[in-house]
Amino acid sequence: VERLEGVGVVLSLAEEVRAKYMGDIHQFMSGGWSEHGSAEINGELVERLRAHGVKARLARLGRHWVVVAEVEGREIVADAVPELSGLFNEVLPGPFVGTREEAKELYRA
């Protein structure tokens, strides 16, 4: 197994967490549980990142929770379930992993 470094670890773990909750995403979106859902799901991503030695924490973007992780000396934003932000009307093809600037662009309401 190839040892993933940096952003690869974050993306890989975000995809794992996303896959685990895929069946719940529609329920969270339609049930008005988006804020709770993003906190729970991205909270699990924080735990998994920490288990891999990555400094990570939850952060708010409006009513949505995302992960801020420190990778190779810089902060990146990760979100296993960007559709729970309420800015997208459909389920997206995957998680979001990018810089703070990219996150600000994407999540601008």
N, C-alpha and C. Protein backbone atom coordinates (compact mmCIF):
# COMPACT_ATOMS: atom_id res chain seq x y z
N VAL A 1 0.85 -1.19 0.00
CA VAL A 1 0.00 0.00 0.00
C VAL A 1 0.88 1.24 0.00
N GLU A 2 0.63 2.11 -0.94
CA GLU A 2 1.41 3.35 -1.04
C GLU A 2 1.05 4.26 0.14
N ARG A 3 2.06 4.87 0.73
CA ARG A 3 1.85 5.77 1.87
C ARG A 3 1.44 7.13 1.33
N LEU A 4 0.21 7.50 1.61
CA LEU A 4 -0.27 8.81 1.14
C LEU A 4 0.33 9.91 1.99
N GLU A 5 0.69 10.99 1.35
CA GLU A 5 1.25 12.14 2.06
C GLU A 5 0.31 13.33 1.93
N GLY A 6 0.38 14.21 2.92
CA GLY A 6 -0.27 15.51 2.84
C GLY A 6 -1.72 15.50 2.39
N VAL A 7 -1.96 16.23 1.31
CA VAL A 7 -3.32 16.42 0.81
C VAL A 7 -3.94 15.08 0.41
N GLY A 8 -3.13 14.16 -0.06
CA GLY A 8 -3.63 12.84 -0.44
C GLY A 8 -4.31 12.13 0.71
N VAL A 9 -3.74 12.24 1.90
CA VAL A 9 -4.33 11.64 3.10
C VAL A 9 -5.69 12.27 3.37
N VAL A 10 -5.75 13.59 3.30
CA VAL A 10 -6.99 14.31 3.58
C VAL A 10 -8.08 13.90 2.59
N LEU A 11 -7.74 13.88 1.31
CA LEU A 11 -8.72 13.53 0.28
C LEU A 11 -9.19 12.09 0.45
N SER A 12 -8.26 11.19 0.68
CA SER A 12 -8.58 9.78 0.83
C SER A 12 -9.53 9.56 2.02
N LEU A 13 -9.22 10.18 3.15
CA LEU A 13 -10.07 10.02 4.34
C LEU A 13 -11.42 10.70 4.15
N ALA A 14 -11.45 11.84 3.47
CA ALA A 14 -12.72 12.52 3.19
C ALA A 14 -13.60 11.63 2.32
N GLU A 15 -13.00 10.94 1.36
CA GLU A 15 -13.77 10.03 0.50
C GLU A 15 -14.31 8.85 1.29
N GLU A 16 -13.50 8.31 2.21
CA GLU A 16 -13.95 7.19 3.06
C GLU A 16 -15.14 7.60 3.92
N VAL A 17 -15.02 8.75 4.58
CA VAL A 17 -16.10 9.22 5.45
C VAL A 17 -17.35 9.50 4.62
N ARG A 18 -17.17 10.12 3.48
CA ARG A 18 -18.30 10.43 2.59
C ARG A 18 -19.03 9.14 2.18
N ALA A 19 -18.26 8.13 1.80
CA ALA A 19 -18.86 6.86 1.36
C ALA A 19 -19.69 6.25 2.49
N LYS A 20 -19.17 6.35 3.71
CA LYS A 20 -19.88 5.78 4.86
C LYS A 20 -21.25 6.43 5.05
N TYR A 21 -21.34 7.74 4.81
CA TYR A 21 -22.58 8.49 5.07
C TYR A 21 -23.41 8.76 3.81
N MET A 22 -22.97 8.23 2.67
CA MET A 22 -23.64 8.55 1.40
C MET A 22 -25.15 8.35 1.48
N GLY A 23 -25.59 7.27 2.09
CA GLY A 23 -27.02 6.98 2.18
C GLY A 23 -27.79 7.99 3.02
N ASP A 24 -27.09 8.70 3.90
CA ASP A 24 -27.76 9.65 4.80
C ASP A 24 -27.82 11.07 4.23
N ILE A 25 -27.03 11.34 3.20
CA ILE A 25 -26.92 12.72 2.72
C ILE A 25 -28.27 13.28 2.29
N HIS A 26 -29.04 12.50 1.52
CA HIS A 26 -30.36 12.98 1.07
C HIS A 26 -31.27 13.26 2.25
N GLN A 27 -31.22 12.37 3.25
CA GLN A 27 -32.05 12.57 4.45
C GLN A 27 -31.68 13.85 5.17
N PHE A 28 -30.38 14.07 5.34
CA PHE A 28 -29.92 15.30 6.00
C PHE A 28 -30.38 16.52 5.20
N MET A 29 -30.26 16.45 3.86
CA MET A 29 -30.60 17.59 3.02
C MET A 29 -32.09 17.90 3.08
N SER A 30 -32.92 16.87 3.05
CA SER A 30 -34.37 17.11 3.01
C SER A 30 -34.96 17.30 4.39
N GLY A 31 -34.27 16.83 5.42
CA GLY A 31 -34.83 16.89 6.76
C GLY A 31 -34.44 18.11 7.56
N GLY A 32 -33.71 19.04 6.95
CA GLY A 32 -33.31 20.24 7.67
C GLY A 32 -32.25 19.96 8.73
N TRP A 33 -31.53 18.85 8.57
CA TRP A 33 -30.51 18.47 9.55
C TRP A 33 -29.11 18.78 9.05
N SER A 34 -29.02 19.67 8.08
CA SER A 34 -27.73 19.90 7.44
C SER A 34 -26.63 20.32 8.40
N GLU A 35 -26.95 21.26 9.29
CA GLU A 35 -25.93 21.77 10.22
C GLU A 35 -25.45 20.65 11.13
N HIS A 36 -26.40 19.92 11.70
CA HIS A 36 -26.07 18.79 12.57
C HIS A 36 -25.29 17.74 11.77
N GLY A 37 -25.75 17.47 10.56
CA GLY A 37 -25.11 16.46 9.71
C GLY A 37 -23.68 16.80 9.39
N SER A 38 -23.43 18.06 9.01
CA SER A 38 -22.06 18.44 8.65
C SER A 38 -21.15 18.38 9.87
N ALA A 39 -21.67 18.71 11.05
CA ALA A 39 -20.86 18.64 12.28
C ALA A 39 -20.51 17.19 12.60
N GLU A 40 -21.49 16.30 12.47
CA GLU A 40 -21.26 14.89 12.78
C GLU A 40 -20.30 14.24 11.78
N ILE A 41 -20.57 14.44 10.50
CA ILE A 41 -19.79 13.77 9.46
C ILE A 41 -18.38 14.34 9.37
N ASN A 42 -18.25 15.66 9.32
CA ASN A 42 -16.91 16.25 9.26
C ASN A 42 -16.18 16.10 10.60
N GLY A 43 -16.94 15.95 11.69
CA GLY A 43 -16.33 15.64 12.99
C GLY A 43 -15.63 14.29 12.95
N GLU A 44 -16.26 13.35 12.28
CA GLU A 44 -15.61 12.03 12.12
C GLU A 44 -14.35 12.15 11.26
N LEU A 45 -14.40 13.01 10.25
CA LEU A 45 -13.21 13.22 9.41
C LEU A 45 -12.07 13.80 10.25
N VAL A 46 -12.38 14.74 11.15
CA VAL A 46 -11.37 15.30 12.05
C VAL A 46 -10.71 14.18 12.87
N GLU A 47 -11.54 13.29 13.43
CA GLU A 47 -11.00 12.19 14.25
C GLU A 47 -10.09 11.29 13.43
N ARG A 48 -10.51 10.96 12.22
CA ARG A 48 -9.69 10.09 11.37
C ARG A 48 -8.38 10.76 10.98
N LEU A 49 -8.44 12.06 10.69
CA LEU A 49 -7.21 12.79 10.35
C LEU A 49 -6.25 12.80 11.53
N ARG A 50 -6.78 13.07 12.72
CA ARG A 50 -5.93 13.09 13.91
C ARG A 50 -5.29 11.73 14.15
N ALA A 51 -6.04 10.67 13.87
CA ALA A 51 -5.50 9.31 14.03
C ALA A 51 -4.33 9.08 13.07
N HIS A 52 -4.29 9.83 11.98
CA HIS A 52 -3.20 9.74 11.01
C HIS A 52 -2.12 10.79 11.28
N GLY A 53 -2.22 11.46 12.44
CA GLY A 53 -1.20 12.43 12.81
C GLY A 53 -1.35 13.80 12.17
N VAL A 54 -2.52 14.07 11.59
CA VAL A 54 -2.76 15.37 10.97
C VAL A 54 -3.46 16.29 11.97
N LYS A 55 -2.95 17.50 12.14
CA LYS A 55 -3.63 18.49 12.99
C LYS A 55 -4.88 18.95 12.28
N ALA A 56 -6.04 18.74 12.92
CA ALA A 56 -7.30 19.09 12.25
C ALA A 56 -8.32 19.54 13.29
N ARG A 57 -9.23 20.42 12.84
CA ARG A 57 -10.30 20.90 13.73
C ARG A 57 -11.52 21.24 12.89
N LEU A 58 -12.67 21.30 13.55
CA LEU A 58 -13.89 21.75 12.88
C LEU A 58 -13.91 23.27 12.85
N ALA A 59 -14.47 23.84 11.81
CA ALA A 59 -14.64 25.29 11.70
C ALA A 59 -15.98 25.56 11.02
N ARG A 60 -16.58 26.69 11.38
CA ARG A 60 -17.88 27.05 10.79
C ARG A 60 -17.72 27.89 9.54
N LEU A 61 -18.56 27.58 8.57
CA LEU A 61 -18.72 28.44 7.39
C LEU A 61 -20.20 28.74 7.34
N GLY A 62 -20.60 29.85 7.92
CA GLY A 62 -22.04 30.11 8.06
C GLY A 62 -22.64 29.09 9.02
N ARG A 63 -23.66 28.35 8.56
CA ARG A 63 -24.27 27.33 9.42
C ARG A 63 -23.68 25.96 9.14
N HIS A 64 -22.67 25.91 8.31
CA HIS A 64 -22.08 24.64 7.87
C HIS A 64 -20.75 24.42 8.58
N TRP A 65 -20.44 23.16 8.88
CA TRP A 65 -19.17 22.81 9.51
C TRP A 65 -18.24 22.18 8.50
N VAL A 66 -16.99 22.63 8.47
CA VAL A 66 -15.97 22.04 7.61
C VAL A 66 -14.76 21.70 8.47
N VAL A 67 -13.78 21.07 7.85
CA VAL A 67 -12.55 20.69 8.54
C VAL A 67 -11.42 21.61 8.08
N VAL A 68 -10.66 22.12 9.03
CA VAL A 68 -9.43 22.84 8.69
C VAL A 68 -8.29 21.95 9.16
N ALA A 69 -7.44 21.56 8.21
CA ALA A 69 -6.33 20.65 8.52
C ALA A 69 -5.02 21.33 8.16
N GLU A 70 -4.00 21.04 8.97
CA GLU A 70 -2.68 21.60 8.69
C GLU A 70 -1.87 20.54 7.95
N VAL A 71 -1.54 20.84 6.71
CA VAL A 71 -0.82 19.89 5.87
C VAL A 71 0.42 20.56 5.30
N GLU A 72 1.57 19.94 5.56
CA GLU A 72 2.84 20.47 5.07
C GLU A 72 2.99 21.96 5.36
N GLY A 73 2.61 22.36 6.58
CA GLY A 73 2.81 23.73 7.03
C GLY A 73 1.78 24.74 6.55
N ARG A 74 0.74 24.28 5.84
CA ARG A 74 -0.29 25.24 5.45
C ARG A 74 -1.67 24.67 5.74
N GLU A 75 -2.63 25.58 5.88
CA GLU A 75 -3.99 25.15 6.20
C GLU A 75 -4.77 24.85 4.93
N ILE A 76 -5.47 23.72 4.97
CA ILE A 76 -6.39 23.42 3.88
C ILE A 76 -7.76 23.15 4.47
N VAL A 77 -8.77 23.33 3.65
CA VAL A 77 -10.15 23.10 4.08
C VAL A 77 -10.63 21.81 3.42
N ALA A 78 -11.29 20.97 4.22
CA ALA A 78 -11.85 19.73 3.69
C ALA A 78 -13.30 19.63 4.12
N ASP A 79 -14.11 19.05 3.26
CA ASP A 79 -15.53 18.89 3.54
C ASP A 79 -15.99 17.60 2.88
N ALA A 80 -16.35 16.61 3.70
CA ALA A 80 -16.81 15.33 3.16
C ALA A 80 -18.18 15.46 2.51
N VAL A 81 -18.96 16.45 2.94
CA VAL A 81 -20.35 16.59 2.47
C VAL A 81 -20.69 18.05 2.11
N PRO A 82 -20.07 18.59 1.05
CA PRO A 82 -20.31 19.99 0.70
C PRO A 82 -21.78 20.30 0.41
N GLU A 83 -22.55 19.29 -0.03
CA GLU A 83 -23.95 19.57 -0.35
C GLU A 83 -24.77 19.95 0.87
N LEU A 84 -24.29 19.61 2.07
CA LEU A 84 -25.03 19.98 3.28
C LEU A 84 -24.88 21.46 3.61
N SER A 85 -24.04 22.18 2.88
CA SER A 85 -23.90 23.62 3.10
C SER A 85 -25.15 24.37 2.67
N GLY A 86 -26.01 23.71 1.89
CA GLY A 86 -27.23 24.36 1.41
C GLY A 86 -27.01 25.19 0.16
N LEU A 87 -25.79 25.18 -0.37
CA LEU A 87 -25.50 25.99 -1.56
C LEU A 87 -25.64 25.20 -2.86
N PHE A 88 -25.88 23.91 -2.73
CA PHE A 88 -25.98 23.06 -3.92
C PHE A 88 -27.31 22.31 -3.84
N ASN A 89 -27.98 22.18 -4.97
CA ASN A 89 -29.28 21.50 -4.96
C ASN A 89 -29.17 20.03 -5.28
N GLU A 90 -27.96 19.58 -5.59
CA GLU A 90 -27.81 18.18 -5.93
C GLU A 90 -26.65 17.60 -5.14
N VAL A 91 -26.56 16.28 -5.16
CA VAL A 91 -25.44 15.60 -4.52
C VAL A 91 -24.24 15.74 -5.46
N LEU A 92 -23.13 16.18 -4.92
CA LEU A 92 -21.94 16.44 -5.73
C LEU A 92 -21.14 15.15 -5.97
N PRO A 93 -20.22 15.18 -6.94
CA PRO A 93 -19.47 13.96 -7.25
C PRO A 93 -18.46 13.53 -6.18
N GLY A 94 -18.15 14.40 -5.24
CA GLY A 94 -17.17 14.00 -4.23
C GLY A 94 -16.98 15.05 -3.17
N PRO A 95 -16.03 14.81 -2.27
CA PRO A 95 -15.76 15.78 -1.20
C PRO A 95 -15.03 16.99 -1.76
N PHE A 96 -14.96 18.04 -0.94
CA PHE A 96 -14.17 19.22 -1.30
C PHE A 96 -12.89 19.21 -0.47
N VAL A 97 -11.76 19.43 -1.12
CA VAL A 97 -10.49 19.63 -0.44
C VAL A 97 -9.77 20.74 -1.19
N GLY A 98 -9.44 21.83 -0.50
CA GLY A 98 -8.77 22.93 -1.18
C GLY A 98 -8.26 23.96 -0.20
N THR A 99 -7.78 25.06 -0.75
CA THR A 99 -7.25 26.14 0.08
C THR A 99 -8.40 26.94 0.69
N ARG A 100 -8.07 27.80 1.64
CA ARG A 100 -9.08 28.69 2.22
C ARG A 100 -9.72 29.56 1.14
N GLU A 101 -8.89 30.04 0.21
CA GLU A 101 -9.39 30.91 -0.87
C GLU A 101 -10.39 30.15 -1.73
N GLU A 102 -10.05 28.90 -2.08
CA GLU A 102 -10.96 28.08 -2.89
C GLU A 102 -12.25 27.82 -2.13
N ALA A 103 -12.14 27.60 -0.84
CA ALA A 103 -13.33 27.36 -0.02
C ALA A 103 -14.22 28.61 0.00
N LYS A 104 -13.60 29.78 0.16
CA LYS A 104 -14.38 31.02 0.17
C LYS A 104 -15.13 31.21 -1.14
N GLU A 105 -14.47 30.89 -2.26
CA GLU A 105 -15.12 30.98 -3.57
C GLU A 105 -16.31 30.03 -3.64
N LEU A 106 -16.07 28.77 -3.28
CA LEU A 106 -17.09 27.74 -3.41
C LEU A 106 -18.30 27.99 -2.52
N TYR A 107 -18.04 28.41 -1.28
CA TYR A 107 -19.12 28.51 -0.30
C TYR A 107 -19.74 29.90 -0.21
N ARG A 108 -19.34 30.78 -1.12
CA ARG A 108 -19.94 32.11 -1.11
C ARG A 108 -21.42 32.01 -1.43
N ALA A 109 -22.25 32.47 -0.54
CA ALA A 109 -23.71 32.34 -0.77
C ALA A 109 -24.17 33.41 -1.74
